[in-house]
Amino acid sequence: YHQEEGAEEIAFPPLSFLLWIVFLVLMPILLSNLLVGLAVGDVDTLQKVATEKRTELQIDLVLSIEELLAFINIKCHLPVYRYCKVTQQTIFPNDPKSLLD
């Protein structure tokens, strides 16, 4: 290349060129590793949030199915009555007396 007038000459051209190439090769690798490290640190938090959300959606699904089955049960077993009173019952899974009521 041609050197312009008034421009300073590089002190050690081969060494400067080698350092520049090393910089160009290593810097993208280091930045990529830094970003991957930041992303991996957030995985635990995301897994906890996802587990809670999945549980919430499963509970909503079960409640919706129970409401639908209760509606179908009332509709099929009480064809004469148009309106009926539905009472709420609390069932405790570890108490056998509550299952017999």
PDB file of N, CA and C in Angstrom:
ATOM      1  N   TYR A   1       0.853  -1.172   0.000  1.00  0.00           N
ATOM      2  CA  TYR A   1       0.000   0.000   0.000  1.00  0.00           C
ATOM      3  C   TYR A   1       0.890   1.223   0.000  1.00  0.00           C
ATOM      4  N   HIS A   2       0.322   2.343  -0.373  1.00  0.00           N
ATOM      5  CA  HIS A   2       1.096   3.583  -0.430  1.00  0.00           C
ATOM      6  C   HIS A   2       0.824   4.383   0.827  1.00  0.00           C
ATOM      7  N   GLN A   3       1.912   4.880   1.383  1.00  0.00           N
ATOM      8  CA  GLN A   3       1.784   5.673   2.606  1.00  0.00           C
ATOM      9  C   GLN A   3       1.531   7.128   2.220  1.00  0.00           C
ATOM     10  N   GLU A   4       0.553   7.727   2.867  1.00  0.00           N
ATOM     11  CA  GLU A   4       0.233   9.118   2.578  1.00  0.00           C
ATOM     12  C   GLU A   4       1.287  10.027   3.197  1.00  0.00           C
ATOM     13  N   GLU A   5       1.386  11.199   2.646  1.00  0.00           N
ATOM     14  CA  GLU A   5       2.350  12.158   3.174  1.00  0.00           C
ATOM     15  C   GLU A   5       1.879  12.664   4.532  1.00  0.00           C
ATOM     16  N   GLY A   6       2.776  12.749   5.469  1.00  0.00           N
ATOM     17  CA  GLY A   6       2.463  13.258   6.797  1.00  0.00           C
ATOM     18  C   GLY A   6       1.935  12.193   7.727  1.00  0.00           C
ATOM     19  N   ALA A   7       1.703  10.960   7.252  1.00  0.00           N
ATOM     20  CA  ALA A   7       1.206   9.885   8.103  1.00  0.00           C
ATOM     21  C   ALA A   7       2.372   9.246   8.843  1.00  0.00           C
ATOM     22  N   GLU A   8       2.101   8.845  10.089  1.00  0.00           N
ATOM     23  CA  GLU A   8       3.159   8.221  10.870  1.00  0.00           C
ATOM     24  C   GLU A   8       3.352   6.778  10.427  1.00  0.00           C
ATOM     25  N   GLU A   9       4.560   6.305  10.558  1.00  0.00           N
ATOM     26  CA  GLU A   9       4.878   4.936  10.191  1.00  0.00           C
ATOM     27  C   GLU A   9       4.648   4.046  11.412  1.00  0.00           C
ATOM     28  N   ILE A  10       4.097   2.853  11.200  1.00  0.00           N
ATOM     29  CA  ILE A  10       3.850   1.916  12.292  1.00  0.00           C
ATOM     30  C   ILE A  10       5.191   1.384  12.765  1.00  0.00           C
ATOM     31  N   ALA A  11       5.350   1.288  14.106  1.00  0.00           N
ATOM     32  CA  ALA A  11       6.643   0.926  14.671  1.00  0.00           C
ATOM     33  C   ALA A  11       7.034  -0.513  14.314  1.00  0.00           C
ATOM     34  N   PHE A  12       6.153  -1.490  14.548  1.00  0.00           N
ATOM     35  CA  PHE A  12       6.443  -2.896  14.264  1.00  0.00           C
ATOM     36  C   PHE A  12       5.309  -3.458  13.409  1.00  0.00           C
ATOM     37  N   PRO A  13       5.355  -3.287  12.113  1.00  0.00           N
ATOM     38  CA  PRO A  13       4.242  -3.694  11.261  1.00  0.00           C
ATOM     39  C   PRO A  13       3.847  -5.173  11.362  1.00  0.00           C
ATOM     40  N   PRO A  14       4.794  -6.122  11.324  1.00  0.00           N
ATOM     41  CA  PRO A  14       4.351  -7.533  11.403  1.00  0.00           C
ATOM     42  C   PRO A  14       3.688  -7.864  12.755  1.00  0.00           C
ATOM     43  N   LEU A  15       4.259  -7.370  13.845  1.00  0.00           N
ATOM     44  CA  LEU A  15       3.695  -7.637  15.159  1.00  0.00           C
ATOM     45  C   LEU A  15       2.350  -6.941  15.316  1.00  0.00           C
ATOM     46  N   SER A  16       2.237  -5.729  14.847  1.00  0.00           N
ATOM     47  CA  SER A  16       0.964  -5.011  14.923  1.00  0.00           C
ATOM     48  C   SER A  16      -0.116  -5.724  14.108  1.00  0.00           C
ATOM     49  N   PHE A  17       0.255  -6.195  12.928  1.00  0.00           N
ATOM     50  CA  PHE A  17      -0.699  -6.921  12.096  1.00  0.00           C
ATOM     51  C   PHE A  17      -1.130  -8.220  12.774  1.00  0.00           C
ATOM     52  N   LEU A  18      -0.205  -8.947  13.371  1.00  0.00           N
ATOM     53  CA  LEU A  18      -0.516 -10.189  14.068  1.00  0.00           C
ATOM     54  C   LEU A  18      -1.455  -9.931  15.252  1.00  0.00           C
ATOM     55  N   LEU A  19      -1.185  -8.907  16.037  1.00  0.00           N
ATOM     56  CA  LEU A  19      -2.054  -8.576  17.163  1.00  0.00           C
ATOM     57  C   LEU A  19      -3.447  -8.166  16.689  1.00  0.00           C
ATOM     58  N   TRP A  20      -3.510  -7.459  15.582  1.00  0.00           N
ATOM     59  CA  TRP A  20      -4.808  -7.060  15.033  1.00  0.00           C
ATOM     60  C   TRP A  20      -5.620  -8.289  14.601  1.00  0.00           C
ATOM     61  N   ILE A  21      -4.978  -9.255  13.969  1.00  0.00           N
ATOM     62  CA  ILE A  21      -5.651 -10.486  13.539  1.00  0.00           C
ATOM     63  C   ILE A  21      -6.112 -11.285  14.766  1.00  0.00           C
ATOM     64  N   VAL A  22      -5.256 -11.377  15.790  1.00  0.00           N
ATOM     65  CA  VAL A  22      -5.640 -12.089  17.016  1.00  0.00           C
ATOM     66  C   VAL A  22      -6.845 -11.409  17.663  1.00  0.00           C
ATOM     67  N   PHE A  23      -6.847 -10.091  17.689  1.00  0.00           N
ATOM     68  CA  PHE A  23      -7.965  -9.350  18.239  1.00  0.00           C
ATOM     69  C   PHE A  23      -9.252  -9.641  17.460  1.00  0.00           C
ATOM     70  N   LEU A  24      -9.163  -9.625  16.130  1.00  0.00           N
ATOM     71  CA  LEU A  24     -10.336  -9.867  15.294  1.00  0.00           C
ATOM     72  C   LEU A  24     -10.872 -11.287  15.447  1.00  0.00           C
ATOM     73  N   VAL A  25     -10.005 -12.238  15.741  1.00  0.00           N
ATOM     74  CA  VAL A  25     -10.457 -13.619  15.899  1.00  0.00           C
ATOM     75  C   VAL A  25     -11.019 -13.860  17.303  1.00  0.00           C
ATOM     76  N   LEU A  26     -10.350 -13.367  18.319  1.00  0.00           N
ATOM     77  CA  LEU A  26     -10.741 -13.675  19.698  1.00  0.00           C
ATOM     78  C   LEU A  26     -11.917 -12.855  20.223  1.00  0.00           C
ATOM     79  N   MET A  27     -12.048 -11.626  19.798  1.00  0.00           N
ATOM     80  CA  MET A  27     -13.086 -10.768  20.360  1.00  0.00           C
ATOM     81  C   MET A  27     -14.506 -11.286  20.111  1.00  0.00           C
ATOM     82  N   PRO A  28     -14.888 -11.721  18.906  1.00  0.00           N
ATOM     83  CA  PRO A  28     -16.236 -12.276  18.731  1.00  0.00           C
ATOM     84  C   PRO A  28     -16.466 -13.543  19.561  1.00  0.00           C
ATOM     85  N   ILE A  29     -15.432 -14.373  19.706  1.00  0.00           N
ATOM     86  CA  ILE A  29     -15.565 -15.584  20.509  1.00  0.00           C
ATOM     87  C   ILE A  29     -15.807 -15.222  21.963  1.00  0.00           C
ATOM     88  N   LEU A  30     -15.058 -14.278  22.501  1.00  0.00           N
ATOM     89  CA  LEU A  30     -15.223 -13.869  23.892  1.00  0.00           C
ATOM     90  C   LEU A  30     -16.590 -13.236  24.138  1.00  0.00           C
ATOM     91  N   LEU A  31     -17.045 -12.414  23.227  1.00  0.00           N
ATOM     92  CA  LEU A  31     -18.364 -11.788  23.380  1.00  0.00           C
ATOM     93  C   LEU A  31     -19.483 -12.828  23.290  1.00  0.00           C
ATOM     94  N   SER A  32     -19.329 -13.809  22.406  1.00  0.00           N
ATOM     95  CA  SER A  32     -20.335 -14.873  22.307  1.00  0.00           C
ATOM     96  C   SER A  32     -20.396 -15.675  23.597  1.00  0.00           C
ATOM     97  N   ASN A  33     -19.248 -16.013  24.151  1.00  0.00           N
ATOM     98  CA  ASN A  33     -19.227 -16.765  25.405  1.00  0.00           C
ATOM     99  C   ASN A  33     -19.836 -15.954  26.543  1.00  0.00           C
ATOM    100  N   LEU A  34     -19.605 -14.681  26.557  1.00  0.00           N
ATOM    101  CA  LEU A  34     -20.191 -13.831  27.588  1.00  0.00           C
ATOM    102  C   LEU A  34     -21.717 -13.825  27.495  1.00  0.00           C
ATOM    103  N   LEU A  35     -22.251 -13.705  26.295  1.00  0.00           N
ATOM    104  CA  LEU A  35     -23.703 -13.702  26.115  1.00  0.00           C
ATOM    105  C   LEU A  35     -24.314 -15.066  26.445  1.00  0.00           C
ATOM    106  N   VAL A  36     -23.620 -16.145  26.092  1.00  0.00           N
ATOM    107  CA  VAL A  36     -24.122 -17.481  26.437  1.00  0.00           C
ATOM    108  C   VAL A  36     -24.134 -17.652  27.953  1.00  0.00           C
ATOM    109  N   GLY A  37     -23.114 -17.177  28.630  1.00  0.00           N
ATOM    110  CA  GLY A  37     -23.072 -17.261  30.086  1.00  0.00           C
ATOM    111  C   GLY A  37     -24.214 -16.500  30.737  1.00  0.00           C
ATOM    112  N   LEU A  38     -24.548 -15.344  30.210  1.00  0.00           N
ATOM    113  CA  LEU A  38     -25.679 -14.585  30.740  1.00  0.00           C
ATOM    114  C   LEU A  38     -26.995 -15.311  30.507  1.00  0.00           C
ATOM    115  N   ALA A  39     -27.140 -15.913  29.348  1.00  0.00           N
ATOM    116  CA  ALA A  39     -28.387 -16.620  29.035  1.00  0.00           C
ATOM    117  C   ALA A  39     -28.547 -17.873  29.895  1.00  0.00           C
ATOM    118  N   VAL A  40     -27.475 -18.592  30.130  1.00  0.00           N
ATOM    119  CA  VAL A  40     -27.549 -19.817  30.932  1.00  0.00           C
ATOM    120  C   VAL A  40     -27.897 -19.489  32.380  1.00  0.00           C
ATOM    121  N   GLY A  41     -27.475 -18.351  32.868  1.00  0.00           N
ATOM    122  CA  GLY A  41     -27.789 -17.962  34.236  1.00  0.00           C
ATOM    123  C   GLY A  41     -29.276 -17.743  34.461  1.00  0.00           C
ATOM    124  N   ASP A  42     -30.029 -17.435  33.435  1.00  0.00           N
ATOM    125  CA  ASP A  42     -31.468 -17.175  33.567  1.00  0.00           C
ATOM    126  C   ASP A  42     -32.317 -18.427  33.387  1.00  0.00           C
ATOM    127  N   VAL A  43     -31.721 -19.547  33.036  1.00  0.00           N
ATOM    128  CA  VAL A  43     -32.493 -20.753  32.746  1.00  0.00           C
ATOM    129  C   VAL A  43     -33.219 -21.258  33.992  1.00  0.00           C
ATOM    130  N   ASP A  44     -32.581 -21.245  35.154  1.00  0.00           N
ATOM    131  CA  ASP A  44     -33.230 -21.737  36.376  1.00  0.00           C
ATOM    132  C   ASP A  44     -34.484 -20.943  36.699  1.00  0.00           C
ATOM    133  N   THR A  45     -34.388 -19.633  36.587  1.00  0.00           N
ATOM    134  CA  THR A  45     -35.549 -18.785  36.857  1.00  0.00           C
ATOM    135  C   THR A  45     -36.671 -19.076  35.863  1.00  0.00           C
ATOM    136  N   LEU A  46     -36.317 -19.221  34.605  1.00  0.00           N
ATOM    137  CA  LEU A  46     -37.333 -19.503  33.587  1.00  0.00           C
ATOM    138  C   LEU A  46     -37.988 -20.861  33.812  1.00  0.00           C
ATOM    139  N   GLN A  47     -37.226 -21.853  34.255  1.00  0.00           N
ATOM    140  CA  GLN A  47     -37.803 -23.171  34.514  1.00  0.00           C
ATOM    141  C   GLN A  47     -38.784 -23.122  35.678  1.00  0.00           C
ATOM    142  N   LYS A  48     -38.470 -22.371  36.728  1.00  0.00           N
ATOM    143  CA  LYS A  48     -39.380 -22.245  37.860  1.00  0.00           C
ATOM    144  C   LYS A  48     -40.683 -21.578  37.438  1.00  0.00           C
ATOM    145  N   VAL A  49     -40.571 -20.510  36.672  1.00  0.00           N
ATOM    146  CA  VAL A  49     -41.763 -19.794  36.210  1.00  0.00           C
ATOM    147  C   VAL A  49     -42.593 -20.698  35.299  1.00  0.00           C
ATOM    148  N   ALA A  50     -41.927 -21.451  34.426  1.00  0.00           N
ATOM    149  CA  ALA A  50     -42.645 -22.336  33.512  1.00  0.00           C
ATOM    150  C   ALA A  50     -43.351 -23.453  34.269  1.00  0.00           C
ATOM    151  N   THR A  51     -42.715 -23.980  35.309  1.00  0.00           N
ATOM    152  CA  THR A  51     -43.345 -25.036  36.104  1.00  0.00           C
ATOM    153  C   THR A  51     -44.593 -24.512  36.811  1.00  0.00           C
ATOM    154  N   GLU A  52     -44.501 -23.321  37.373  1.00  0.00           N
ATOM    155  CA  GLU A  52     -45.662 -22.720  38.038  1.00  0.00           C
ATOM    156  C   GLU A  52     -46.790 -22.462  37.044  1.00  0.00           C
ATOM    157  N   LYS A  53     -46.453 -21.970  35.872  1.00  0.00           N
ATOM    158  CA  LYS A  53     -47.469 -21.685  34.861  1.00  0.00           C
ATOM    159  C   LYS A  53     -48.141 -22.972  34.378  1.00  0.00           C
ATOM    160  N   ARG A  54     -47.341 -24.038  34.175  1.00  0.00           N
ATOM    161  CA  ARG A  54     -47.903 -25.311  33.748  1.00  0.00           C
ATOM    162  C   ARG A  54     -48.865 -25.862  34.800  1.00  0.00           C
ATOM    163  N   THR A  55     -48.472 -25.773  36.072  1.00  0.00           N
ATOM    164  CA  THR A  55     -49.347 -26.243  37.153  1.00  0.00           C
ATOM    165  C   THR A  55     -50.642 -25.442  37.183  1.00  0.00           C
ATOM    166  N   GLU A  56     -50.527 -24.139  37.010  1.00  0.00           N
ATOM    167  CA  GLU A  56     -51.721 -23.284  36.983  1.00  0.00           C
ATOM    168  C   GLU A  56     -52.652 -23.675  35.840  1.00  0.00           C
ATOM    169  N   LEU A  57     -52.094 -23.933  34.665  1.00  0.00           N
ATOM    170  CA  LEU A  57     -52.922 -24.328  33.520  1.00  0.00           C
ATOM    171  C   LEU A  57     -53.555 -25.696  33.737  1.00  0.00           C
ATOM    172  N   GLN A  58     -52.840 -26.617  34.374  1.00  0.00           N
ATOM    173  CA  GLN A  58     -53.406 -27.933  34.649  1.00  0.00           C
ATOM    174  C   GLN A  58     -54.571 -27.832  35.636  1.00  0.00           C
ATOM    175  N   ILE A  59     -54.416 -26.997  36.648  1.00  0.00           N
ATOM    176  CA  ILE A  59     -55.499 -26.804  37.616  1.00  0.00           C
ATOM    177  C   ILE A  59     -56.721 -26.203  36.937  1.00  0.00           C
ATOM    178  N   ASP A  60     -56.509 -25.204  36.085  1.00  0.00           N
ATOM    179  CA  ASP A  60     -57.634 -24.611  35.348  1.00  0.00           C
ATOM    180  C   ASP A  60     -58.336 -25.646  34.478  1.00  0.00           C
ATOM    181  N   LEU A  61     -57.569 -26.516  33.836  1.00  0.00           N
ATOM    182  CA  LEU A  61     -58.156 -27.547  32.993  1.00  0.00           C
ATOM    183  C   LEU A  61     -58.996 -28.520  33.817  1.00  0.00           C
ATOM    184  N   VAL A  62     -58.457 -28.962  34.949  1.00  0.00           N
ATOM    185  CA  VAL A  62     -59.190 -29.909  35.792  1.00  0.00           C
ATOM    186  C   VAL A  62     -60.480 -29.274  36.309  1.00  0.00           C
ATOM    187  N   LEU A  63     -60.418 -28.030  36.736  1.00  0.00           N
ATOM    188  CA  LEU A  63     -61.625 -27.351  37.228  1.00  0.00           C
ATOM    189  C   LEU A  63     -62.664 -27.184  36.126  1.00  0.00           C
ATOM    190  N   SER A  64     -62.221 -26.867  34.934  1.00  0.00           N
ATOM    191  CA  SER A  64     -63.159 -26.722  33.812  1.00  0.00           C
ATOM    192  C   SER A  64     -63.831 -28.050  33.489  1.00  0.00           C
ATOM    193  N   ILE A  65     -63.059 -29.121  33.498  1.00  0.00           N
ATOM    194  CA  ILE A  65     -63.634 -30.438  33.212  1.00  0.00           C
ATOM    195  C   ILE A  65     -64.609 -30.843  34.311  1.00  0.00           C
ATOM    196  N   GLU A  66     -64.267 -30.556  35.569  1.00  0.00           N
ATOM    197  CA  GLU A  66     -65.184 -30.880  36.663  1.00  0.00           C
ATOM    198  C   GLU A  66     -66.495 -30.101  36.547  1.00  0.00           C
ATOM    199  N   GLU A  67     -66.433 -28.827  36.190  1.00  0.00           N
ATOM    200  CA  GLU A  67     -67.644 -28.039  36.003  1.00  0.00           C
ATOM    201  C   GLU A  67     -68.489 -28.601  34.861  1.00  0.00           C
ATOM    202  N   LEU A  68     -67.828 -28.996  33.787  1.00  0.00           N
ATOM    203  CA  LEU A  68     -68.546 -29.555  32.648  1.00  0.00           C
ATOM    204  C   LEU A  68     -69.214 -30.873  33.025  1.00  0.00           C
ATOM    205  N   LEU A  69     -68.495 -31.723  33.727  1.00  0.00           N
ATOM    206  CA  LEU A  69     -69.079 -33.001  34.135  1.00  0.00           C
ATOM    207  C   LEU A  69     -70.228 -32.801  35.119  1.00  0.00           C
ATOM    208  N   ALA A  70     -70.097 -31.843  36.013  1.00  0.00           N
ATOM    209  CA  ALA A  70     -71.189 -31.557  36.942  1.00  0.00           C
ATOM    210  C   ALA A  70     -72.411 -31.051  36.182  1.00  0.00           C
ATOM    211  N   PHE A  71     -72.216 -30.214  35.187  1.00  0.00           N
ATOM    212  CA  PHE A  71     -73.324 -29.707  34.377  1.00  0.00           C
ATOM    213  C   PHE A  71     -73.998 -30.835  33.615  1.00  0.00           C
ATOM    214  N   ILE A  72     -73.205 -31.716  33.037  1.00  0.00           N
ATOM    215  CA  ILE A  72     -73.771 -32.855  32.297  1.00  0.00           C
ATOM    216  C   ILE A  72     -74.523 -33.777  33.242  1.00  0.00           C
ATOM    217  N   ASN A  73     -73.974 -34.018  34.419  1.00  0.00           N
ATOM    218  CA  ASN A  73     -74.616 -34.888  35.405  1.00  0.00           C
ATOM    219  C   ASN A  73     -75.961 -34.319  35.844  1.00  0.00           C
ATOM    220  N   ILE A  74     -76.028 -33.023  36.101  1.00  0.00           N
ATOM    221  CA  ILE A  74     -77.284 -32.385  36.499  1.00  0.00           C
ATOM    222  C   ILE A  74     -78.291 -32.445  35.357  1.00  0.00           C
ATOM    223  N   LYS A  75     -77.839 -32.190  34.158  1.00  0.00           N
ATOM    224  CA  LYS A  75     -78.737 -32.164  33.017  1.00  0.00           C
ATOM    225  C   LYS A  75     -79.297 -33.552  32.712  1.00  0.00           C
ATOM    226  N   CYS A  76     -78.487 -34.590  32.854  1.00  0.00           N
ATOM    227  CA  CYS A  76     -78.943 -35.946  32.516  1.00  0.00           C
ATOM    228  C   CYS A  76     -79.817 -36.557  33.598  1.00  0.00           C
ATOM    229  N   HIS A  77     -79.547 -36.262  34.851  1.00  0.00           N
ATOM    230  CA  HIS A  77     -80.283 -36.906  35.923  1.00  0.00           C
ATOM    231  C   HIS A  77     -81.529 -36.135  36.363  1.00  0.00           C
ATOM    232  N   LEU A  78     -81.676 -34.907  35.958  1.00  0.00           N
ATOM    233  CA  LEU A  78     -82.846 -34.127  36.344  1.00  0.00           C
ATOM    234  C   LEU A  78     -83.551 -33.570  35.110  1.00  0.00           C
ATOM    235  N   PRO A  79     -84.127 -34.428  34.285  1.00  0.00           N
ATOM    236  CA  PRO A  79     -84.747 -33.911  33.062  1.00  0.00           C
ATOM    237  C   PRO A  79     -86.050 -33.165  33.316  1.00  0.00           C
ATOM    238  N   VAL A  80     -86.744 -33.448  34.435  1.00  0.00           N
ATOM    239  CA  VAL A  80     -88.029 -32.820  34.690  1.00  0.00           C
ATOM    240  C   VAL A  80     -87.847 -31.371  35.130  1.00  0.00           C
ATOM    241  N   TYR A  81     -86.871 -31.110  35.916  1.00  0.00           N
ATOM    242  CA  TYR A  81     -86.660 -29.776  36.468  1.00  0.00           C
ATOM    243  C   TYR A  81     -85.808 -28.931  35.534  1.00  0.00           C
ATOM    244  N   ARG A  82     -86.232 -27.717  35.341  1.00  0.00           N
ATOM    245  CA  ARG A  82     -85.425 -26.810  34.531  1.00  0.00           C
ATOM    246  C   ARG A  82     -84.339 -26.147  35.372  1.00  0.00           C
ATOM    247  N   TYR A  83     -84.653 -25.854  36.599  1.00  0.00           N
ATOM    248  CA  TYR A  83     -83.704 -25.191  37.479  1.00  0.00           C
ATOM    249  C   TYR A  83     -83.510 -26.047  38.714  1.00  0.00           C
ATOM    250  N   CYS A  84     -82.310 -26.136  39.162  1.00  0.00           N
ATOM    251  CA  CYS A  84     -82.056 -26.871  40.398  1.00  0.00           C
ATOM    252  C   CYS A  84     -80.952 -26.163  41.163  1.00  0.00           C
ATOM    253  N   LYS A  85     -80.950 -26.381  42.441  1.00  0.00           N
ATOM    254  CA  LYS A  85     -79.957 -25.745  43.298  1.00  0.00           C
ATOM    255  C   LYS A  85     -78.753 -26.679  43.428  1.00  0.00           C
ATOM    256  N   VAL A  86     -77.587 -26.155  43.109  1.00  0.00           N
ATOM    257  CA  VAL A  86     -76.357 -26.931  43.208  1.00  0.00           C
ATOM    258  C   VAL A  86     -75.633 -26.481  44.467  1.00  0.00           C
ATOM    259  N   THR A  87     -75.329 -27.436  45.314  1.00  0.00           N
ATOM    260  CA  THR A  87     -74.604 -27.100  46.539  1.00  0.00           C
ATOM    261  C   THR A  87     -73.137 -27.458  46.370  1.00  0.00           C
ATOM    262  N   GLN A  88     -72.328 -26.748  47.086  1.00  0.00           N
ATOM    263  CA  GLN A  88     -70.893 -26.987  47.002  1.00  0.00           C
ATOM    264  C   GLN A  88     -70.486 -27.895  48.152  1.00  0.00           C
ATOM    265  N   GLN A  89     -69.670 -28.866  47.847  1.00  0.00           N
ATOM    266  CA  GLN A  89     -69.225 -29.805  48.851  1.00  0.00           C
ATOM    267  C   GLN A  89     -67.701 -29.828  48.853  1.00  0.00           C
ATOM    268  N   THR A  90     -67.108 -29.787  50.020  1.00  0.00           N
ATOM    269  CA  THR A  90     -65.659 -29.846  50.141  1.00  0.00           C
ATOM    270  C   THR A  90     -65.259 -31.282  50.455  1.00  0.00           C
ATOM    271  N   ILE A  91     -64.384 -31.814  49.648  1.00  0.00           N
ATOM    272  CA  ILE A  91     -63.917 -33.175  49.843  1.00  0.00           C
ATOM    273  C   ILE A  91     -62.435 -33.115  50.199  1.00  0.00           C
ATOM    274  N   PHE A  92     -62.103 -33.748  51.311  1.00  0.00           N
ATOM    275  CA  PHE A  92     -60.713 -33.825  51.731  1.00  0.00           C
ATOM    276  C   PHE A  92     -60.173 -35.191  51.308  1.00  0.00           C
ATOM    277  N   PRO A  93     -59.088 -35.226  50.551  1.00  0.00           N
ATOM    278  CA  PRO A  93     -58.628 -36.501  49.977  1.00  0.00           C
ATOM    279  C   PRO A  93     -58.168 -37.511  51.029  1.00  0.00           C
ATOM    280  N   ASN A  94     -57.713 -37.090  52.189  1.00  0.00           N
ATOM    281  CA  ASN A  94     -57.213 -38.029  53.183  1.00  0.00           C
ATOM    282  C   ASN A  94     -58.243 -38.376  54.246  1.00  0.00           C
ATOM    283  N   ASP A  95     -59.448 -37.868  54.116  1.00  0.00           N
ATOM    284  CA  ASP A  95     -60.491 -38.123  55.085  1.00  0.00           C
ATOM    285  C   ASP A  95     -61.552 -39.017  54.455  1.00  0.00           C
ATOM    286  N   PRO A  96     -61.634 -40.304  54.860  1.00  0.00           N
ATOM    287  CA  PRO A  96     -62.607 -41.202  54.219  1.00  0.00           C
ATOM    288  C   PRO A  96     -64.051 -40.826  54.498  1.00  0.00           C
ATOM    289  N   LYS A  97     -64.329 -40.112  55.578  1.00  0.00           N
ATOM    290  CA  LYS A  97     -65.709 -39.719  55.881  1.00  0.00           C
ATOM    291  C   LYS A  97     -66.240 -38.726  54.846  1.00  0.00           C
ATOM    292  N   SER A  98     -65.370 -37.855  54.352  1.00  0.00           N
ATOM    293  CA  SER A  98     -65.847 -36.859  53.396  1.00  0.00           C
ATOM    294  C   SER A  98     -66.171 -37.480  52.047  1.00  0.00           C
ATOM    295  N   LEU A  99     -65.594 -38.620  51.758  1.00  0.00           N
ATOM    296  CA  LEU A  99     -65.889 -39.286  50.489  1.00  0.00           C
ATOM    297  C   LEU A  99     -67.210 -40.056  50.549  1.00  0.00           C
ATOM    298  N   LEU A 100     -67.648 -40.415  51.749  1.00  0.00           N
ATOM    299  CA  LEU A 100     -68.884 -41.181  51.889  1.00  0.00           C
ATOM    300  C   LEU A 100     -70.123 -40.316  51.884  1.00  0.00           C
ATOM    301  N   ASP A 101     -70.003 -39.034  52.083  1.00  0.00           N
ATOM    302  CA  ASP A 101     -71.166 -38.134  52.155  1.00  0.00           C
ATOM    303  C   ASP A 101     -71.805 -37.950  50.807  1.00  0.00           C
TER     304      ASP A 101
END
